[in-house]
PDB file of N, CA and C in Angstrom:
ATOM      1  N   UNK A   1     -50.421  47.996 183.987  1.00  0.00           N
ATOM      2  CA  UNK A   1     -50.780  48.437 185.317  1.00  0.00           C
ATOM      3  C   UNK A   1     -49.651  48.060 186.272  1.00  0.00           C
ATOM      4  N   UNK A   2     -49.431  48.921 187.238  1.00  0.00           N
ATOM      5  CA  UNK A   2     -48.419  48.674 188.259  1.00  0.00           C
ATOM      6  C   UNK A   2     -49.077  48.813 189.624  1.00  0.00           C
ATOM      7  N   UNK A   3     -48.827  47.861 190.489  1.00  0.00           N
ATOM      8  CA  UNK A   3     -49.377  47.857 191.845  1.00  0.00           C
ATOM      9  C   UNK A   3     -48.208  47.923 192.814  1.00  0.00           C
ATOM     10  N   UNK A   4     -48.145  49.005 193.596  1.00  0.00           N
ATOM     11  CA  UNK A   4     -47.077  49.176 194.587  1.00  0.00           C
ATOM     12  C   UNK A   4     -47.651  48.923 195.972  1.00  0.00           C
ATOM     13  N   UNK A   5     -46.980  48.067 196.730  1.00  0.00           N
ATOM     14  CA  UNK A   5     -47.437  47.715 198.070  1.00  0.00           C
ATOM     15  C   UNK A   5     -46.467  48.310 199.093  1.00  0.00           C
ATOM     16  N   UNK A   6     -46.995  49.151 199.985  1.00  0.00           N
ATOM     17  CA  UNK A   6     -46.213  49.787 201.037  1.00  0.00           C
ATOM     18  C   UNK A   6     -46.961  49.616 202.354  1.00  0.00           C
ATOM     19  N   UNK A   7     -46.230  49.291 203.416  1.00  0.00           N
ATOM     20  CA  UNK A   7     -46.854  49.239 204.740  1.00  0.00           C
ATOM     21  C   UNK A   7     -46.121  50.210 205.658  1.00  0.00           C
ATOM     22  N   UNK A   8     -46.789  50.588 206.727  1.00  0.00           N
ATOM     23  CA  UNK A   8     -46.217  51.528 207.684  1.00  0.00           C
ATOM     24  C   UNK A   8     -46.223  50.894 209.068  1.00  0.00           C
ATOM     25  N   UNK A   9     -45.084  50.945 209.728  1.00  0.00           N
ATOM     26  CA  UNK A   9     -44.956  50.460 211.096  1.00  0.00           C
ATOM     27  C   UNK A   9     -45.060  51.662 212.025  1.00  0.00           C
ATOM     28  N   UNK A  10     -45.909  51.565 213.034  1.00  0.00           N
ATOM     29  CA  UNK A  10     -46.038  52.617 214.043  1.00  0.00           C
ATOM     30  C   UNK A  10     -45.574  52.022 215.369  1.00  0.00           C
ATOM     31  N   UNK A  11     -44.467  52.539 215.882  1.00  0.00           N
ATOM     32  CA  UNK A  11     -43.886  52.046 217.126  1.00  0.00           C
ATOM     33  C   UNK A  11     -44.531  52.744 218.319  1.00  0.00           C
ATOM     34  N   UNK A  12     -44.376  52.143 219.511  1.00  0.00           N
ATOM     35  CA  UNK A  12     -44.801  52.821 220.736  1.00  0.00           C
ATOM     36  C   UNK A  12     -44.047  54.141 220.801  1.00  0.00           C
ATOM     37  N   UNK A  13     -44.715  55.182 221.163  1.00  0.00           N
ATOM     38  CA  UNK A  13     -44.084  56.494 221.190  1.00  0.00           C
ATOM     39  C   UNK A  13     -44.389  57.299 219.940  1.00  0.00           C
ATOM     40  N   UNK A  14     -45.003  56.678 218.935  1.00  0.00           N
ATOM     41  CA  UNK A  14     -45.439  57.399 217.745  1.00  0.00           C
ATOM     42  C   UNK A  14     -44.487  57.406 216.564  1.00  0.00           C
ATOM     43  N   UNK A  15     -43.274  56.909 216.724  1.00  0.00           N
ATOM     44  CA  UNK A  15     -42.335  56.881 215.595  1.00  0.00           C
ATOM     45  C   UNK A  15     -42.870  55.943 214.521  1.00  0.00           C
ATOM     46  N   UNK A  16     -42.730  56.349 213.258  1.00  0.00           N
ATOM     47  CA  UNK A  16     -43.229  55.527 212.158  1.00  0.00           C
ATOM     48  C   UNK A  16     -42.110  55.198 211.181  1.00  0.00           C
ATOM     49  N   UNK A  17     -42.303  54.123 210.448  1.00  0.00           N
ATOM     50  CA  UNK A  17     -41.361  53.720 209.399  1.00  0.00           C
ATOM     51  C   UNK A  17     -42.170  53.111 208.261  1.00  0.00           C
ATOM     52  N   UNK A  18     -41.896  53.551 207.034  1.00  0.00           N
ATOM     53  CA  UNK A  18     -42.582  52.997 205.868  1.00  0.00           C
ATOM     54  C   UNK A  18     -41.673  51.984 205.190  1.00  0.00           C
ATOM     55  N   UNK A  19     -42.285  50.922 204.696  1.00  0.00           N
ATOM     56  CA  UNK A  19     -41.546  49.845 204.050  1.00  0.00           C
ATOM     57  C   UNK A  19     -42.216  49.528 202.720  1.00  0.00           C
ATOM     58  N   UNK A  20     -41.447  49.578 201.667  1.00  0.00           N
ATOM     59  CA  UNK A  20     -41.980  49.209 200.356  1.00  0.00           C
ATOM     60  C   UNK A  20     -41.799  47.706 200.185  1.00  0.00           C
ATOM     61  N   UNK A  21     -42.902  47.001 200.042  1.00  0.00           N
ATOM     62  CA  UNK A  21     -42.849  45.543 199.950  1.00  0.00           C
ATOM     63  C   UNK A  21     -42.533  45.058 198.552  1.00  0.00           C
ATOM     64  N   UNK A  22     -42.991  45.778 197.580  1.00  0.00           N
ATOM     65  CA  UNK A  22     -42.727  45.326 196.223  1.00  0.00           C
ATOM     66  C   UNK A  22     -43.632  45.990 195.216  1.00  0.00           C
ATOM     67  N   UNK A  23     -43.379  45.665 193.970  1.00  0.00           N
ATOM     68  CA  UNK A  23     -44.153  46.183 192.853  1.00  0.00           C
ATOM     69  C   UNK A  23     -44.539  45.015 191.971  1.00  0.00           C
ATOM     70  N   UNK A  24     -45.812  44.959 191.621  1.00  0.00           N
ATOM     71  CA  UNK A  24     -46.299  43.928 190.708  1.00  0.00           C
ATOM     72  C   UNK A  24     -46.792  44.607 189.452  1.00  0.00           C
ATOM     73  N   UNK A  25     -46.386  44.071 188.303  1.00  0.00           N
ATOM     74  CA  UNK A  25     -46.787  44.647 187.019  1.00  0.00           C
ATOM     75  C   UNK A  25     -47.605  43.635 186.233  1.00  0.00           C
ATOM     76  N   UNK A  26     -48.652  44.137 185.618  1.00  0.00           N
ATOM     77  CA  UNK A  26     -49.471  43.327 184.725  1.00  0.00           C
ATOM     78  C   UNK A  26     -49.730  44.156 183.472  1.00  0.00           C
ATOM     79  N   UNK A  27     -49.262  43.680 182.346  1.00  0.00           N
ATOM     80  CA  UNK A  27     -49.524  44.361 181.079  1.00  0.00           C
ATOM     81  C   UNK A  27     -50.945  44.031 180.638  1.00  0.00           C
ATOM     82  N   UNK A  28     -51.741  45.060 180.352  1.00  0.00           N
ATOM     83  CA  UNK A  28     -53.155  44.862 180.009  1.00  0.00           C
ATOM     84  C   UNK A  28     -53.325  44.002 178.764  1.00  0.00           C
ATOM     85  N   UNK A  29     -52.424  44.132 177.812  1.00  0.00           N
ATOM     86  CA  UNK A  29     -52.568  43.360 176.567  1.00  0.00           C
ATOM     87  C   UNK A  29     -52.282  41.872 176.759  1.00  0.00           C
ATOM     88  N   UNK A  30     -51.631  41.506 177.857  1.00  0.00           N
ATOM     89  CA  UNK A  30     -51.333  40.101 178.123  1.00  0.00           C
ATOM     90  C   UNK A  30     -52.240  39.493 179.198  1.00  0.00           C
ATOM     91  N   UNK A  31     -53.307  40.210 179.547  1.00  0.00           N
ATOM     92  CA  UNK A  31     -54.221  39.721 180.578  1.00  0.00           C
ATOM     93  C   UNK A  31     -55.097  38.598 180.042  1.00  0.00           C
ATOM     94  N   UNK A  32     -55.214  37.577 180.840  1.00  0.00           N
ATOM     95  CA  UNK A  32     -56.131  36.474 180.581  1.00  0.00           C
ATOM     96  C   UNK A  32     -57.014  36.354 181.815  1.00  0.00           C
ATOM     97  N   UNK A  33     -58.189  35.775 181.690  1.00  0.00           N
ATOM     98  CA  UNK A  33     -59.070  35.669 182.862  1.00  0.00           C
ATOM     99  C   UNK A  33     -58.391  35.033 184.079  1.00  0.00           C
ATOM    100  N   UNK A  34     -57.543  34.041 183.872  1.00  0.00           N
ATOM    101  CA  UNK A  34     -56.881  33.392 185.009  1.00  0.00           C
ATOM    102  C   UNK A  34     -55.754  34.237 185.601  1.00  0.00           C
ATOM    103  N   UNK A  35     -55.343  35.299 184.899  1.00  0.00           N
ATOM    104  CA  UNK A  35     -54.264  36.152 185.387  1.00  0.00           C
ATOM    105  C   UNK A  35     -54.741  37.444 186.024  1.00  0.00           C
ATOM    106  N   UNK A  36     -56.051  37.617 186.173  1.00  0.00           N
ATOM    107  CA  UNK A  36     -56.578  38.840 186.776  1.00  0.00           C
ATOM    108  C   UNK A  36     -56.442  38.743 188.297  1.00  0.00           C
ATOM    109  N   UNK A  37     -56.082  39.849 188.908  1.00  0.00           N
ATOM    110  CA  UNK A  37     -55.882  39.879 190.360  1.00  0.00           C
ATOM    111  C   UNK A  37     -54.489  39.384 190.716  1.00  0.00           C
ATOM    112  N   UNK A  38     -54.266  39.170 191.992  1.00  0.00           N
ATOM    113  CA  UNK A  38     -52.977  38.643 192.441  1.00  0.00           C
ATOM    114  C   UNK A  38     -52.973  37.129 192.319  1.00  0.00           C
ATOM    115  N   UNK A  39     -51.865  36.610 191.887  1.00  0.00           N
ATOM    116  CA  UNK A  39     -51.708  35.166 191.797  1.00  0.00           C
ATOM    117  C   UNK A  39     -51.243  34.630 193.149  1.00  0.00           C
ATOM    118  N   UNK A  40     -51.368  33.334 193.332  1.00  0.00           N
ATOM    119  CA  UNK A  40     -50.962  32.709 194.587  1.00  0.00           C
ATOM    120  C   UNK A  40     -49.489  32.986 194.882  1.00  0.00           C
ATOM    121  N   UNK A  41     -48.655  32.930 193.869  1.00  0.00           N
ATOM    122  CA  UNK A  41     -47.223  33.199 194.076  1.00  0.00           C
ATOM    123  C   UNK A  41     -46.993  34.657 194.486  1.00  0.00           C
ATOM    124  N   UNK A  42     -47.817  35.583 193.974  1.00  0.00           N
ATOM    125  CA  UNK A  42     -47.724  36.983 194.397  1.00  0.00           C
ATOM    126  C   UNK A  42     -48.071  37.103 195.878  1.00  0.00           C
ATOM    127  N   UNK A  43     -49.114  36.409 196.297  1.00  0.00           N
ATOM    128  CA  UNK A  43     -49.531  36.427 197.696  1.00  0.00           C
ATOM    129  C   UNK A  43     -48.462  35.865 198.621  1.00  0.00           C
ATOM    130  N   UNK A  44     -47.811  34.788 198.189  1.00  0.00           N
ATOM    131  CA  UNK A  44     -46.734  34.191 198.994  1.00  0.00           C
ATOM    132  C   UNK A  44     -45.567  35.167 199.135  1.00  0.00           C
ATOM    133  N   UNK A  45     -45.203  35.827 198.042  1.00  0.00           N
ATOM    134  CA  UNK A  45     -44.099  36.786 198.084  1.00  0.00           C
ATOM    135  C   UNK A  45     -44.448  37.969 198.986  1.00  0.00           C
ATOM    136  N   UNK A  46     -45.687  38.451 198.888  1.00  0.00           N
ATOM    137  CA  UNK A  46     -46.126  39.571 199.703  1.00  0.00           C
ATOM    138  C   UNK A  46     -46.135  39.193 201.186  1.00  0.00           C
ATOM    139  N   UNK A  47     -46.643  38.013 201.504  1.00  0.00           N
ATOM    140  CA  UNK A  47     -46.681  37.552 202.893  1.00  0.00           C
ATOM    141  C   UNK A  47     -45.270  37.405 203.464  1.00  0.00           C
ATOM    142  N   UNK A  48     -44.340  36.910 202.668  1.00  0.00           N
ATOM    143  CA  UNK A  48     -42.953  36.773 203.125  1.00  0.00           C
ATOM    144  C   UNK A  48     -42.361  38.140 203.460  1.00  0.00           C
ATOM    145  N   UNK A  49     -42.642  39.150 202.638  1.00  0.00           N
ATOM    146  CA  UNK A  49     -42.136  40.496 202.897  1.00  0.00           C
ATOM    147  C   UNK A  49     -42.772  41.091 204.154  1.00  0.00           C
ATOM    148  N   UNK A  50     -44.082  40.873 204.335  1.00  0.00           N
ATOM    149  CA  UNK A  50     -44.765  41.374 205.530  1.00  0.00           C
ATOM    150  C   UNK A  50     -44.169  40.728 206.778  1.00  0.00           C
ATOM    151  N   UNK A  51     -43.923  39.424 206.732  1.00  0.00           N
ATOM    152  CA  UNK A  51     -43.314  38.713 207.870  1.00  0.00           C
ATOM    153  C   UNK A  51     -41.942  39.293 208.193  1.00  0.00           C
ATOM    154  N   UNK A  52     -41.140  39.540 207.167  1.00  0.00           N
ATOM    155  CA  UNK A  52     -39.790  40.079 207.358  1.00  0.00           C
ATOM    156  C   UNK A  52     -39.851  41.439 208.049  1.00  0.00           C
ATOM    157  N   UNK A  53     -40.716  42.325 207.554  1.00  0.00           N
ATOM    158  CA  UNK A  53     -40.853  43.660 208.135  1.00  0.00           C
ATOM    159  C   UNK A  53     -41.365  43.576 209.570  1.00  0.00           C
ATOM    160  N   UNK A  54     -42.356  42.727 209.815  1.00  0.00           N
ATOM    161  CA  UNK A  54     -42.938  42.598 211.156  1.00  0.00           C
ATOM    162  C   UNK A  54     -41.910  42.082 212.154  1.00  0.00           C
ATOM    163  N   UNK A  55     -41.161  41.066 211.767  1.00  0.00           N
ATOM    164  CA  UNK A  55     -40.158  40.488 212.668  1.00  0.00           C
ATOM    165  C   UNK A  55     -39.054  41.493 212.967  1.00  0.00           C
ATOM    166  N   UNK A  56     -38.570  42.197 211.941  1.00  0.00           N
ATOM    167  CA  UNK A  56     -37.520  43.195 212.155  1.00  0.00           C
ATOM    168  C   UNK A  56     -38.000  44.308 213.080  1.00  0.00           C
ATOM    169  N   UNK A  57     -39.246  44.756 212.902  1.00  0.00           N
ATOM    170  CA  UNK A  57     -39.796  45.821 213.749  1.00  0.00           C
ATOM    171  C   UNK A  57     -39.948  45.347 215.188  1.00  0.00           C
ATOM    172  N   UNK A  58     -40.408  44.115 215.372  1.00  0.00           N
ATOM    173  CA  UNK A  58     -40.568  43.576 216.724  1.00  0.00           C
ATOM    174  C   UNK A  58     -39.217  43.432 217.418  1.00  0.00           C
ATOM    175  N   UNK A  59     -38.219  42.949 216.697  1.00  0.00           N
ATOM    176  CA  UNK A  59     -36.877  42.810 217.277  1.00  0.00           C
ATOM    177  C   UNK A  59     -36.320  44.177 217.652  1.00  0.00           C
ATOM    178  N   UNK A  60     -36.517  45.160 216.785  1.00  0.00           N
ATOM    179  CA  UNK A  60     -36.034  46.513 217.064  1.00  0.00           C
ATOM    180  C   UNK A  60     -36.696  47.083 218.324  1.00  0.00           C
ATOM    181  N   UNK A  61     -38.006  46.875 218.450  1.00  0.00           N
ATOM    182  CA  UNK A  61     -38.720  47.408 219.608  1.00  0.00           C
ATOM    183  C   UNK A  61     -38.324  46.677 220.895  1.00  0.00           C
ATOM    184  N   UNK A  62     -38.190  45.367 220.831  1.00  0.00           N
ATOM    185  CA  UNK A  62     -37.772  44.595 222.007  1.00  0.00           C
ATOM    186  C   UNK A  62     -36.363  45.003 222.427  1.00  0.00           C
ATOM    187  N   UNK A  63     -35.463  45.166 221.456  1.00  0.00           N
ATOM    188  CA  UNK A  63     -34.086  45.561 221.766  1.00  0.00           C
ATOM    189  C   UNK A  63     -34.043  46.934 222.420  1.00  0.00           C
ATOM    190  N   UNK A  64     -34.837  47.868 221.908  1.00  0.00           N
ATOM    191  CA  UNK A  64     -34.865  49.217 222.483  1.00  0.00           C
ATOM    192  C   UNK A  64     -35.408  49.187 223.905  1.00  0.00           C
ATOM    193  N   UNK A  65     -36.421  48.372 224.146  1.00  0.00           N
ATOM    194  CA  UNK A  65     -37.007  48.256 225.482  1.00  0.00           C
ATOM    195  C   UNK A  65     -36.011  47.657 226.466  1.00  0.00           C
ATOM    196  N   UNK A  66     -35.265  46.656 226.030  1.00  0.00           N
ATOM    197  CA  UNK A  66     -34.316  45.969 226.912  1.00  0.00           C
ATOM    198  C   UNK A  66     -33.064  46.791 227.186  1.00  0.00           C
ATOM    199  N   UNK A  67     -32.819  47.830 226.396  1.00  0.00           N
ATOM    200  CA  UNK A  67     -31.627  48.641 226.604  1.00  0.00           C
ATOM    201  C   UNK A  67     -31.767  49.593 227.773  1.00  0.00           C
ATOM    202  N   UNK A  68     -32.986  49.861 228.211  1.00  0.00           N
ATOM    203  CA  UNK A  68     -33.188  50.768 229.346  1.00  0.00           C
ATOM    204  C   UNK A  68     -32.936  50.026 230.650  1.00  0.00           C
ATOM    205  N   UNK A  69     -32.178  50.653 231.533  1.00  0.00           N
ATOM    206  CA  UNK A  69     -31.906  50.074 232.850  1.00  0.00           C
ATOM    207  C   UNK A  69     -33.199  50.095 233.663  1.00  0.00           C
ATOM    208  N   UNK A  70     -33.610  48.942 234.218  1.00  0.00           N
ATOM    209  CA  UNK A  70     -34.855  48.917 234.990  1.00  0.00           C
ATOM    210  C   UNK A  70     -34.778  49.733 236.286  1.00  0.00           C
ATOM    211  N   UNK A  71     -33.568  49.986 236.779  1.00  0.00           N
ATOM    212  CA  UNK A  71     -33.417  50.730 238.043  1.00  0.00           C
ATOM    213  C   UNK A  71     -33.438  52.245 237.829  1.00  0.00           C
ATOM    214  N   UNK A  72     -32.597  52.720 236.891  1.00  0.00           N
ATOM    215  CA  UNK A  72     -32.466  54.174 236.726  1.00  0.00           C
ATOM    216  C   UNK A  72     -33.054  54.693 235.413  1.00  0.00           C
ATOM    217  N   UNK A  73     -33.341  53.803 234.467  1.00  0.00           N
ATOM    218  CA  UNK A  73     -33.940  54.221 233.199  1.00  0.00           C
ATOM    219  C   UNK A  73     -32.947  54.678 232.149  1.00  0.00           C
ATOM    220  N   UNK A  74     -31.644  54.714 232.483  1.00  0.00           N
ATOM    221  CA  UNK A  74     -30.641  55.137 231.499  1.00  0.00           C
ATOM    222  C   UNK A  74     -30.489  54.072 230.420  1.00  0.00           C
ATOM    223  N   UNK A  75     -30.101  54.521 229.232  1.00  0.00           N
ATOM    224  CA  UNK A  75     -29.883  53.594 228.122  1.00  0.00           C
ATOM    225  C   UNK A  75     -28.538  52.915 228.318  1.00  0.00           C
ATOM    226  N   UNK A  76     -28.569  51.584 228.333  1.00  0.00           N
ATOM    227  CA  UNK A  76     -27.337  50.810 228.496  1.00  0.00           C
ATOM    228  C   UNK A  76     -26.631  50.674 227.155  1.00  0.00           C
ATOM    229  N   UNK A  77     -25.306  50.556 227.199  1.00  0.00           N
ATOM    230  CA  UNK A  77     -24.540  50.393 225.963  1.00  0.00           C
ATOM    231  C   UNK A  77     -24.729  48.982 225.420  1.00  0.00           C
ATOM    232  N   UNK A  78     -24.452  48.838 224.135  1.00  0.00           N
ATOM    233  CA  UNK A  78     -24.582  47.537 223.477  1.00  0.00           C
ATOM    234  C   UNK A  78     -23.248  46.814 223.573  1.00  0.00           C
ATOM    235  N   UNK A  79     -23.286  45.561 223.992  1.00  0.00           N
ATOM    236  CA  UNK A  79     -22.077  44.742 224.093  1.00  0.00           C
ATOM    237  C   UNK A  79     -22.065  43.754 222.939  1.00  0.00           C
ATOM    238  N   UNK A  80     -20.956  43.677 222.239  1.00  0.00           N
ATOM    239  CA  UNK A  80     -20.823  42.717 221.129  1.00  0.00           C
ATOM    240  C   UNK A  80     -20.211  41.437 221.602  1.00  0.00           C
TER     241      UNK A  80
END
């Protein structure tokens, strides 16, 4: 069995982005009662990926919001 985890980010304005978090495989012939479902380590890995995607999306949205000039609304250039 293969379990694919994908989440979708919906930004203000309706733009969306899909993110594949990972794939977990469990061979049916190697299943034991204690190995059914997601293991704690699987949950930790999944949570880390969700955090990464959430933080990147929030930074992207904050950066886009801050690029607009509060006076005229024009997009300001990025300074390195």
